[in-house]
Amino acid sequence: MSVTTRTHRPRRTITRAATLGVVLTGGTLLLPAPAAFAEVAPRATLTVQAPASVGFAGQPVEFTETVSNPTTEAAGYHLWLDTTSDLGTPPDAIVIDYKDPADGTWKSVPLEFTTNEAAHYGGMLPSDITVPAGGSTTLKLRIGAPMGRPHHGASNGGFHSIDLRSAVSAIDGSHVALDQSTKTIGVDSISTSLAQVPATAVAGGAPIEFDAVLANPTLSDYINVGNVLFTDPHATVQVRKADGSWSKLAQVLPSEPDSRPGVYLEGRDSSIRTRTTTTTRVRVSFDATTPAGNIELSPCVFVNEGKDTPFHGTTMCTRGATVKVTAAAATQSPAPAPTPSTTAPTTPAPSVSTSAPAATTPATRPPSDAPAATDGQLAETGAGRAPALLAAGASLLTAGGGALWLARRRRSA
């Protein structure tokens, strides 16, 4: 495939979801009304092998598009790409890359962002595509929903799916789409959960152990991940290393006042490959000064956190576990036995202790005044909200066969 670099500056236009949001330099709409296709004899066909889904805030997923030339002469073509997603999707939420055949590197397709009843990203592959007579050329592309730049700490909205529309046109000046394809790409997400958490613990007593599970069922790899467990200031958290030893984790305090500290279970910038699961054995102990009552252990995943702003970024939280902490049992020394009389009784009587250790009733306090978590909804994403949401109980992510529910909020710097 020969490559010729061209510069195109399409005019900004507002389109409905039924049409491509791309305009040629001369002002002619690339995709006319569907009836117009019947008026043009096909001189190219387009086959799109789009991915079934991508990971929310994950890395792009590769796919292919093939342009076929049924004519008896070699021909040159343009490839136009357009995506449609839910209204409220931020401008840098979706990316499309292509693999340059000249040097084998991945390069970005310049996309113009417009909104009307939905969010649109439209653009043209920067290189012309030459297809031999009666032959075909396959292009390698990838699409993703990174929800922002790496380590930008950006807030974000969310969407359930992406409609990818592709169209091929001749470069002979006709500016007419010869063939097009529309594919719907689902949006899945990674999730975190806790397993086998004991219901009770003793202040100043033995630690409790459980598993923290990070699952990536999506087709995207994830990088710049922070798998966080929010605990209590009185808690000490350790994770078991590969050699069986335990490593103490440092507590990190959010910037918001009165927020609970968190620990990074696999480091602040960890990663997880597509369709894999990571299980970390966790041990938590509470010091002797821990007030009796319920303590929440809340797991969250943050992607692309800001370098200087922990817990700010694309946020996915799930319901954690409640541990009831009781005070250590108090003990009393038994009273001394009475001094035997100098005159022995005629009938020996068995010695009976005059006092026994008093039973200790643990002091109690009402659980956190935060409301209970709500199943079936992702925690609100974005900077500055995760600790407060965690205090309110994080929400569940339903992936795979269920719907992906994402709360939306406006982008904050």
Protein backbone atom coordinates (compact mmCIF):
# COMPACT_ATOMS: atom_id res chain seq x y z
CA MET A 1 0.00 0.00 0.00
CA SER A 2 1.45 3.32 -1.02
CA VAL A 3 1.11 6.17 1.41
CA THR A 4 0.73 9.85 0.59
CA THR A 5 0.36 12.27 3.47
CA ARG A 6 -2.35 14.86 2.99
CA THR A 7 -3.57 17.66 5.19
CA HIS A 8 -7.32 18.07 5.57
CA ARG A 9 -9.10 20.55 7.80
CA PRO A 10 -12.77 19.60 7.79
CA ARG A 11 -15.23 22.30 8.80
CA ARG A 12 -16.80 21.93 12.20
CA THR A 13 -20.37 20.75 11.84
CA ILE A 14 -23.10 19.51 14.11
CA THR A 15 -24.64 16.22 13.01
CA ARG A 16 -27.21 13.81 14.28
CA ALA A 17 -26.25 10.28 15.18
CA ALA A 18 -27.69 8.98 11.90
CA THR A 19 -24.94 10.55 9.79
CA LEU A 20 -21.18 10.81 9.89
CA GLY A 21 -19.90 14.01 11.46
CA VAL A 22 -17.22 14.59 8.81
CA VAL A 23 -17.10 17.17 6.02
CA LEU A 24 -14.64 17.32 3.15
CA THR A 25 -12.54 20.41 2.55
CA GLY A 26 -14.79 21.53 -0.27
CA GLY A 27 -17.83 21.44 2.01
CA THR A 28 -19.48 18.34 0.54
CA LEU A 29 -20.87 15.90 3.11
CA LEU A 30 -19.05 12.60 2.78
CA LEU A 31 -22.09 10.45 3.49
CA PRO A 32 -25.24 11.66 1.75
CA ALA A 33 -28.69 10.32 2.46
CA PRO A 34 -28.83 6.49 2.23
CA ALA A 35 -30.78 6.70 -1.03
CA ALA A 36 -27.72 8.23 -2.70
CA PHE A 37 -25.83 4.95 -2.44
CA ALA A 38 -28.11 3.37 -4.99
CA GLU A 39 -27.19 6.05 -7.51
CA VAL A 40 -23.44 5.28 -7.43
CA ALA A 41 -22.05 2.09 -8.94
CA PRO A 42 -19.89 0.41 -6.26
CA ARG A 43 -16.20 0.65 -7.01
CA ALA A 44 -14.97 -0.51 -3.61
CA THR A 45 -16.11 -2.66 -0.73
CA LEU A 46 -15.27 -2.26 2.95
CA THR A 47 -15.06 -5.08 5.49
CA VAL A 48 -14.68 -4.13 9.17
CA GLN A 49 -13.62 -6.63 11.85
CA ALA A 50 -14.34 -4.45 14.89
CA PRO A 51 -13.70 -5.64 18.46
CA ALA A 52 -16.73 -6.78 20.43
CA SER A 53 -15.84 -4.48 23.30
CA VAL A 54 -13.17 -2.27 24.85
CA GLY A 55 -12.25 -1.63 28.47
CA PHE A 56 -13.44 1.56 30.12
CA ALA A 57 -10.28 3.63 30.79
CA GLY A 58 -8.21 0.79 29.32
CA GLN A 59 -5.78 0.58 26.44
CA PRO A 60 -6.91 0.49 22.76
CA VAL A 61 -7.92 -2.81 21.19
CA GLU A 62 -6.67 -3.78 17.73
CA PHE A 63 -8.93 -4.56 14.77
CA THR A 64 -8.79 -4.49 10.97
CA GLU A 65 -10.59 -2.85 8.08
CA THR A 66 -10.18 -4.19 4.54
CA VAL A 67 -10.73 -2.15 1.36
CA SER A 68 -11.34 -4.23 -1.78
CA ASN A 69 -11.11 -2.96 -5.35
CA PRO A 70 -13.31 -4.92 -7.79
CA THR A 71 -12.26 -2.89 -10.82
CA THR A 72 -9.66 -3.76 -13.44
CA GLU A 73 -7.41 -0.84 -12.52
CA ALA A 74 -5.55 0.13 -9.37
CA ALA A 75 -7.39 2.78 -7.40
CA GLY A 76 -6.79 5.13 -4.50
CA TYR A 77 -9.18 5.59 -1.60
CA HIS A 78 -9.80 7.57 1.58
CA LEU A 79 -10.96 5.91 4.82
CA TRP A 80 -13.22 7.95 7.06
CA LEU A 81 -13.93 7.01 10.66
CA ASP A 82 -16.61 8.27 13.01
CA THR A 83 -17.75 7.25 16.47
CA THR A 84 -20.92 8.04 18.39
CA SER A 85 -21.29 7.66 22.14
CA ASP A 86 -23.52 8.96 24.91
CA LEU A 87 -23.99 12.67 25.42
CA GLY A 88 -21.63 13.85 28.14
CA THR A 89 -18.62 11.91 26.89
CA PRO A 90 -15.58 14.21 27.26
CA PRO A 91 -13.49 15.27 24.23
CA ASP A 92 -10.50 13.01 24.92
CA ALA A 93 -12.45 9.92 25.96
CA ILE A 94 -12.06 7.98 22.70
CA VAL A 95 -8.98 7.38 20.55
CA ILE A 96 -8.45 5.68 17.19
CA ASP A 97 -4.96 4.74 15.99
CA TYR A 98 -3.67 3.25 12.76
CA LYS A 99 -0.49 1.34 12.02
CA ASP A 100 1.51 3.24 9.44
CA PRO A 101 2.60 0.71 6.79
CA ALA A 102 5.59 2.87 5.94
CA ASP A 103 7.36 2.47 9.28
CA GLY A 104 5.16 0.07 11.27
CA THR A 105 4.46 2.55 14.08
CA TRP A 106 1.12 3.40 15.64
CA LYS A 107 -0.14 6.90 14.92
CA SER A 108 -3.29 8.72 15.97
CA VAL A 109 -6.16 9.40 13.62
CA PRO A 110 -6.98 13.10 14.08
CA LEU A 111 -10.54 13.24 15.34
CA GLU A 112 -12.81 16.27 15.50
CA PHE A 113 -15.13 16.28 18.50
CA THR A 114 -18.72 17.53 18.13
CA THR A 115 -21.90 17.07 20.15
CA ASN A 116 -25.61 17.32 19.54
CA GLU A 117 -27.85 14.54 20.79
CA ALA A 118 -24.73 12.41 21.30
CA ALA A 119 -20.95 12.77 21.31
CA HIS A 120 -19.22 12.40 17.93
CA TYR A 121 -15.58 11.94 17.00
CA GLY A 122 -14.91 12.11 13.27
CA GLY A 123 -11.77 12.08 11.15
CA MET A 124 -9.97 10.70 8.11
CA LEU A 125 -6.99 8.40 7.95
CA PRO A 126 -4.10 10.75 7.08
CA SER A 127 -2.74 8.41 4.38
CA ASP A 128 -4.26 7.59 1.00
CA ILE A 129 -4.90 3.90 0.40
CA THR A 130 -3.86 2.35 -2.92
CA VAL A 131 -5.49 -0.98 -3.79
CA PRO A 132 -4.41 -3.04 -6.80
CA ALA A 133 -6.90 -4.06 -9.49
CA GLY A 134 -9.08 -6.89 -8.27
CA GLY A 135 -7.22 -6.92 -4.96
CA SER A 136 -7.61 -5.72 -1.39
CA THR A 137 -5.64 -3.89 1.30
CA THR A 138 -6.05 -4.57 5.00
CA LEU A 139 -5.45 -1.75 7.47
CA LYS A 140 -4.51 -2.34 11.10
CA LEU A 141 -6.29 -0.03 13.52
CA ARG A 142 -7.12 0.10 17.20
CA ILE A 143 -9.81 1.85 19.21
CA GLY A 144 -10.02 2.60 22.92
CA ALA A 145 -11.77 4.61 25.59
CA PRO A 146 -8.89 5.87 27.77
CA MET A 147 -11.08 8.59 29.33
CA GLY A 148 -8.19 11.05 29.38
CA ARG A 149 -4.45 11.38 29.17
CA PRO A 150 -2.04 9.30 31.29
CA HIS A 151 -1.59 10.60 34.85
CA HIS A 152 -3.85 13.53 34.13
CA GLY A 153 -6.14 12.76 37.06
CA ALA A 154 -9.10 13.76 34.93
CA SER A 155 -12.68 13.30 35.92
CA ASN A 156 -14.92 11.63 33.40
CA GLY A 157 -18.41 10.62 32.45
CA GLY A 158 -19.25 7.21 31.10
CA PHE A 159 -21.02 5.41 28.29
CA HIS A 160 -22.36 1.96 27.54
CA SER A 161 -21.15 1.48 23.98
CA ILE A 162 -19.46 3.06 20.96
CA ASP A 163 -20.95 3.09 17.46
CA LEU A 164 -18.03 2.92 15.02
CA ARG A 165 -18.89 4.00 11.47
CA SER A 166 -16.38 3.54 8.68
CA ALA A 167 -16.68 4.75 5.07
CA VAL A 168 -14.45 4.46 2.02
CA SER A 169 -14.42 7.04 -0.75
CA ALA A 170 -12.43 7.50 -3.96
CA ILE A 171 -9.68 10.09 -4.15
CA ASP A 172 -10.69 11.10 -7.67
CA GLY A 173 -12.56 14.17 -6.49
CA SER A 174 -16.03 12.64 -6.45
CA HIS A 175 -16.20 12.86 -2.64
CA VAL A 176 -18.85 10.15 -2.51
CA ALA A 177 -18.86 7.22 -0.09
CA LEU A 178 -18.53 3.98 -2.05
CA ASP A 179 -19.19 1.68 0.88
CA GLN A 180 -19.66 1.97 4.64
CA SER A 181 -19.99 -0.18 7.74
CA THR A 182 -21.38 0.44 11.24
CA LYS A 183 -20.35 -1.66 14.23
CA THR A 184 -21.44 -1.36 17.86
CA ILE A 185 -18.60 -1.86 20.34
CA GLY A 186 -19.49 -2.60 23.95
CA VAL A 187 -17.76 -0.98 26.91
CA ASP A 188 -16.70 -3.22 29.83
CA SER A 189 -14.59 -2.51 32.87
CA ILE A 190 -12.16 -3.95 35.37
CA SER A 191 -13.52 -4.59 38.86
CA THR A 192 -12.22 -5.15 42.37
CA SER A 193 -13.70 -7.14 45.24
CA LEU A 194 -12.93 -8.65 48.63
CA ALA A 195 -13.38 -12.34 49.46
CA GLN A 196 -13.67 -14.25 52.74
CA VAL A 197 -13.42 -11.23 55.03
CA PRO A 198 -13.95 -12.20 58.69
CA ALA A 199 -16.95 -10.53 60.29
CA THR A 200 -15.16 -9.57 63.52
CA ALA A 201 -11.77 -8.46 64.79
CA VAL A 202 -10.35 -7.58 68.20
CA ALA A 203 -8.65 -4.26 68.90
CA GLY A 204 -5.06 -5.03 69.77
CA GLY A 205 -5.62 -8.67 68.87
CA ALA A 206 -4.65 -11.01 66.05
CA PRO A 207 -4.96 -9.73 62.47
CA ILE A 208 -7.69 -10.87 60.10
CA GLU A 209 -6.86 -12.25 56.65
CA PHE A 210 -8.76 -12.20 53.35
CA ASP A 211 -8.29 -11.92 49.57
CA ALA A 212 -8.46 -8.79 47.41
CA VAL A 213 -9.36 -9.73 43.83
CA LEU A 214 -8.71 -7.49 40.82
CA ALA A 215 -10.37 -8.85 37.66
CA ASN A 216 -9.98 -7.65 34.07
CA PRO A 217 -12.52 -9.48 31.90
CA THR A 218 -12.17 -6.92 29.10
CA LEU A 219 -10.25 -7.03 25.82
CA SER A 220 -8.11 -4.06 26.93
CA ASP A 221 -4.88 -4.08 28.86
CA TYR A 222 -4.79 -1.65 31.78
CA ILE A 223 -1.82 0.46 32.88
CA ASN A 224 -1.39 3.26 35.41
CA VAL A 225 -3.68 1.37 37.80
CA GLY A 226 -4.02 1.97 41.53
CA ASN A 227 -5.78 -0.92 43.31
CA VAL A 228 -6.67 0.70 46.63
CA LEU A 229 -8.15 -0.55 49.89
CA PHE A 230 -9.60 2.16 52.12
CA THR A 231 -9.43 1.25 55.80
CA ASP A 232 -9.23 3.04 59.17
CA PRO A 233 -6.48 5.21 60.69
CA HIS A 234 -6.05 2.59 63.44
CA ALA A 235 -5.50 -0.24 60.94
CA THR A 236 -2.24 -1.79 59.81
CA VAL A 237 -2.41 -3.45 56.38
CA GLN A 238 0.04 -6.05 55.10
CA VAL A 239 0.17 -8.07 51.90
CA ARG A 240 1.79 -11.43 51.42
CA LYS A 241 4.69 -11.47 48.98
CA ALA A 242 5.66 -14.25 46.61
CA ASP A 243 8.14 -15.71 49.10
CA GLY A 244 5.46 -15.98 51.79
CA SER A 245 6.65 -13.04 53.88
CA TRP A 246 4.42 -10.10 54.77
CA SER A 247 5.03 -6.52 53.69
CA LYS A 248 3.51 -3.55 55.54
CA LEU A 249 1.82 -0.95 53.31
CA ALA A 250 2.01 2.78 53.89
CA GLN A 251 -1.25 4.60 54.48
CA VAL A 252 -1.98 7.44 52.06
CA LEU A 253 -4.31 10.24 53.13
CA PRO A 254 -6.65 11.85 50.60
CA SER A 255 -6.50 15.59 50.18
CA GLU A 256 -10.10 15.93 51.38
CA PRO A 257 -10.55 16.46 55.13
CA ASP A 258 -12.14 13.76 57.28
CA SER A 259 -11.49 11.11 54.63
CA ARG A 260 -10.28 7.63 55.33
CA PRO A 261 -6.73 6.57 54.41
CA GLY A 262 -6.04 4.09 51.65
CA VAL A 263 -3.25 1.68 50.75
CA TYR A 264 -2.08 0.61 47.29
CA LEU A 265 -2.21 -3.18 47.23
CA GLU A 266 0.00 -3.60 44.14
CA GLY A 267 1.68 -0.21 43.96
CA ARG A 268 0.40 3.06 42.59
CA ASP A 269 1.20 2.37 38.92
CA SER A 270 0.44 -1.29 38.50
CA SER A 271 -0.96 -3.01 35.42
CA ILE A 272 -3.16 -5.94 34.52
CA ARG A 273 -3.39 -7.76 31.21
CA THR A 274 -6.56 -8.49 29.30
CA ARG A 275 -8.71 -11.32 30.65
CA THR A 276 -6.64 -11.95 33.75
CA THR A 277 -7.31 -11.90 37.50
CA THR A 278 -4.93 -10.90 40.29
CA THR A 279 -5.52 -12.13 43.86
CA THR A 280 -3.65 -10.51 46.75
CA ARG A 281 -3.66 -11.98 50.26
CA VAL A 282 -4.25 -9.18 52.76
CA ARG A 283 -3.79 -9.06 56.52
CA VAL A 284 -5.34 -6.27 58.60
CA SER A 285 -4.88 -5.63 62.32
CA PHE A 286 -6.36 -2.93 64.55
CA ASP A 287 -4.37 -1.36 67.37
CA ALA A 288 -5.56 -1.40 70.96
CA THR A 289 -6.87 2.19 70.75
CA THR A 290 -9.36 1.35 67.98
CA PRO A 291 -12.86 2.31 69.16
CA ALA A 292 -15.32 -0.55 69.22
CA GLY A 293 -17.77 -0.52 66.35
CA ASN A 294 -18.12 -1.24 62.63
CA ILE A 295 -15.24 -0.46 60.26
CA GLU A 296 -15.64 -0.48 56.49
CA LEU A 297 -13.04 -2.04 54.20
CA SER A 298 -13.69 -0.47 50.79
CA PRO A 299 -11.93 -1.45 47.52
CA CYS A 300 -11.51 0.95 44.59
CA VAL A 301 -9.56 1.05 41.33
CA PHE A 302 -8.14 4.33 40.02
CA VAL A 303 -6.77 4.69 36.49
CA ASN A 304 -4.54 7.55 35.33
CA GLU A 305 -4.27 9.19 38.73
CA GLY A 306 -2.62 12.58 38.82
CA LYS A 307 1.03 12.40 39.82
CA ASP A 308 0.50 14.62 42.87
CA THR A 309 -3.15 13.86 43.53
CA PRO A 310 -3.77 10.38 44.93
CA PHE A 311 -7.23 8.91 44.41
CA HIS A 312 -8.04 11.38 41.62
CA GLY A 313 -8.75 9.86 38.21
CA THR A 314 -11.08 7.44 36.51
CA THR A 315 -12.65 5.70 39.49
CA MET A 316 -14.33 2.32 39.80
CA CYS A 317 -15.45 1.18 43.26
CA THR A 318 -17.36 -1.82 44.53
CA ARG A 319 -19.08 -2.76 47.76
CA GLY A 320 -16.58 -3.83 50.37
CA ALA A 321 -17.02 -5.50 53.75
CA THR A 322 -17.94 -4.44 57.29
CA VAL A 323 -15.80 -5.70 60.16
CA LYS A 324 -17.08 -5.40 63.73
CA VAL A 325 -14.19 -4.45 65.99
CA THR A 326 -14.54 -5.32 69.66
CA ALA A 327 -12.44 -4.24 72.60
CA ALA A 328 -10.00 -6.73 74.06
CA ALA A 329 -11.52 -8.80 76.89
CA ALA A 330 -10.59 -7.29 80.29
CA THR A 331 -9.35 -9.65 83.00
CA GLN A 332 -9.17 -9.30 86.76
CA SER A 333 -6.85 -11.07 89.21
CA PRO A 334 -8.74 -13.52 91.44
CA ALA A 335 -9.11 -12.47 95.07
CA PRO A 336 -6.61 -14.11 97.45
CA ALA A 337 -7.82 -17.16 99.32
CA PRO A 338 -8.74 -16.54 102.98
CA THR A 339 -6.02 -17.22 105.59
CA PRO A 340 -6.59 -20.61 107.16
CA SER A 341 -7.61 -20.62 110.79
CA THR A 342 -5.06 -21.79 113.34
CA THR A 343 -7.65 -24.22 114.62
CA ALA A 344 -8.52 -26.86 112.10
CA PRO A 345 -12.22 -27.53 111.73
CA THR A 346 -13.52 -30.90 112.66
CA THR A 347 -14.78 -31.44 109.12
CA PRO A 348 -12.53 -30.12 106.29
CA ALA A 349 -14.41 -28.02 103.79
CA PRO A 350 -13.34 -27.50 100.17
CA SER A 351 -11.72 -24.14 99.39
CA VAL A 352 -14.01 -21.86 97.35
CA SER A 353 -12.83 -18.72 95.57
CA THR A 354 -14.69 -15.65 96.73
CA SER A 355 -14.49 -13.93 93.34
CA ALA A 356 -14.29 -14.85 89.65
CA PRO A 357 -13.07 -12.85 86.61
CA ALA A 358 -15.80 -10.47 85.63
CA ALA A 359 -17.35 -10.92 82.20
CA THR A 360 -16.60 -7.95 79.99
CA THR A 361 -19.31 -6.53 77.78
CA PRO A 362 -17.73 -4.85 74.75
CA ALA A 363 -18.47 -1.18 74.42
CA THR A 364 -20.38 -0.45 71.26
CA ARG A 365 -20.90 2.53 69.06
CA PRO A 366 -23.25 2.93 66.17
CA PRO A 367 -21.85 2.16 62.75
CA SER A 368 -20.62 4.94 60.50
CA ASP A 369 -23.30 7.49 59.82
CA ALA A 370 -22.66 7.07 56.11
CA PRO A 371 -25.55 5.58 54.10
CA ALA A 372 -25.32 2.05 52.85
CA ALA A 373 -23.94 1.32 49.38
CA THR A 374 -26.31 0.84 46.49
CA ASP A 375 -25.92 -2.23 44.31
CA GLY A 376 -25.87 -2.05 40.53
CA GLN A 377 -24.24 1.34 40.06
CA LEU A 378 -20.69 2.49 39.67
CA ALA A 379 -19.35 5.06 42.06
CA GLU A 380 -19.22 8.54 40.63
CA THR A 381 -16.00 8.98 38.73
CA GLY A 382 -13.56 11.82 38.88
CA ALA A 383 -11.29 13.88 41.03
CA GLY A 384 -12.04 14.65 44.61
CA ARG A 385 -15.02 12.34 45.13
CA ALA A 386 -13.72 8.83 45.80
CA PRO A 387 -13.14 9.06 49.58
CA ALA A 388 -16.55 10.63 50.14
CA LEU A 389 -18.18 8.00 47.96
CA LEU A 390 -16.35 5.30 49.82
CA ALA A 391 -17.61 6.67 53.10
CA ALA A 392 -21.06 6.33 51.62
CA GLY A 393 -20.34 2.76 50.59
CA ALA A 394 -19.08 2.16 47.07
CA SER A 395 -21.29 0.69 44.41
CA LEU A 396 -21.23 -2.44 42.32
CA LEU A 397 -20.03 -2.79 38.78
CA THR A 398 -21.97 -5.22 36.61
CA ALA A 399 -19.88 -6.32 33.62
CA GLY A 400 -20.11 -9.02 30.99
CA GLY A 401 -23.71 -10.09 30.47
CA GLY A 402 -25.10 -7.25 32.61
CA ALA A 403 -25.32 -3.56 31.94
CA LEU A 404 -22.43 -1.27 32.73
CA TRP A 405 -23.83 1.57 34.79
CA LEU A 406 -21.69 4.65 35.01
CA ALA A 407 -22.53 7.86 36.82
CA ARG A 408 -21.68 10.95 34.85
CA ARG A 409 -20.14 14.16 36.06
CA ARG A 410 -18.61 17.13 34.35
CA ARG A 411 -14.90 17.16 33.69
CA SER A 412 -12.74 19.01 36.18
CA ALA A 413 -9.22 20.17 35.60
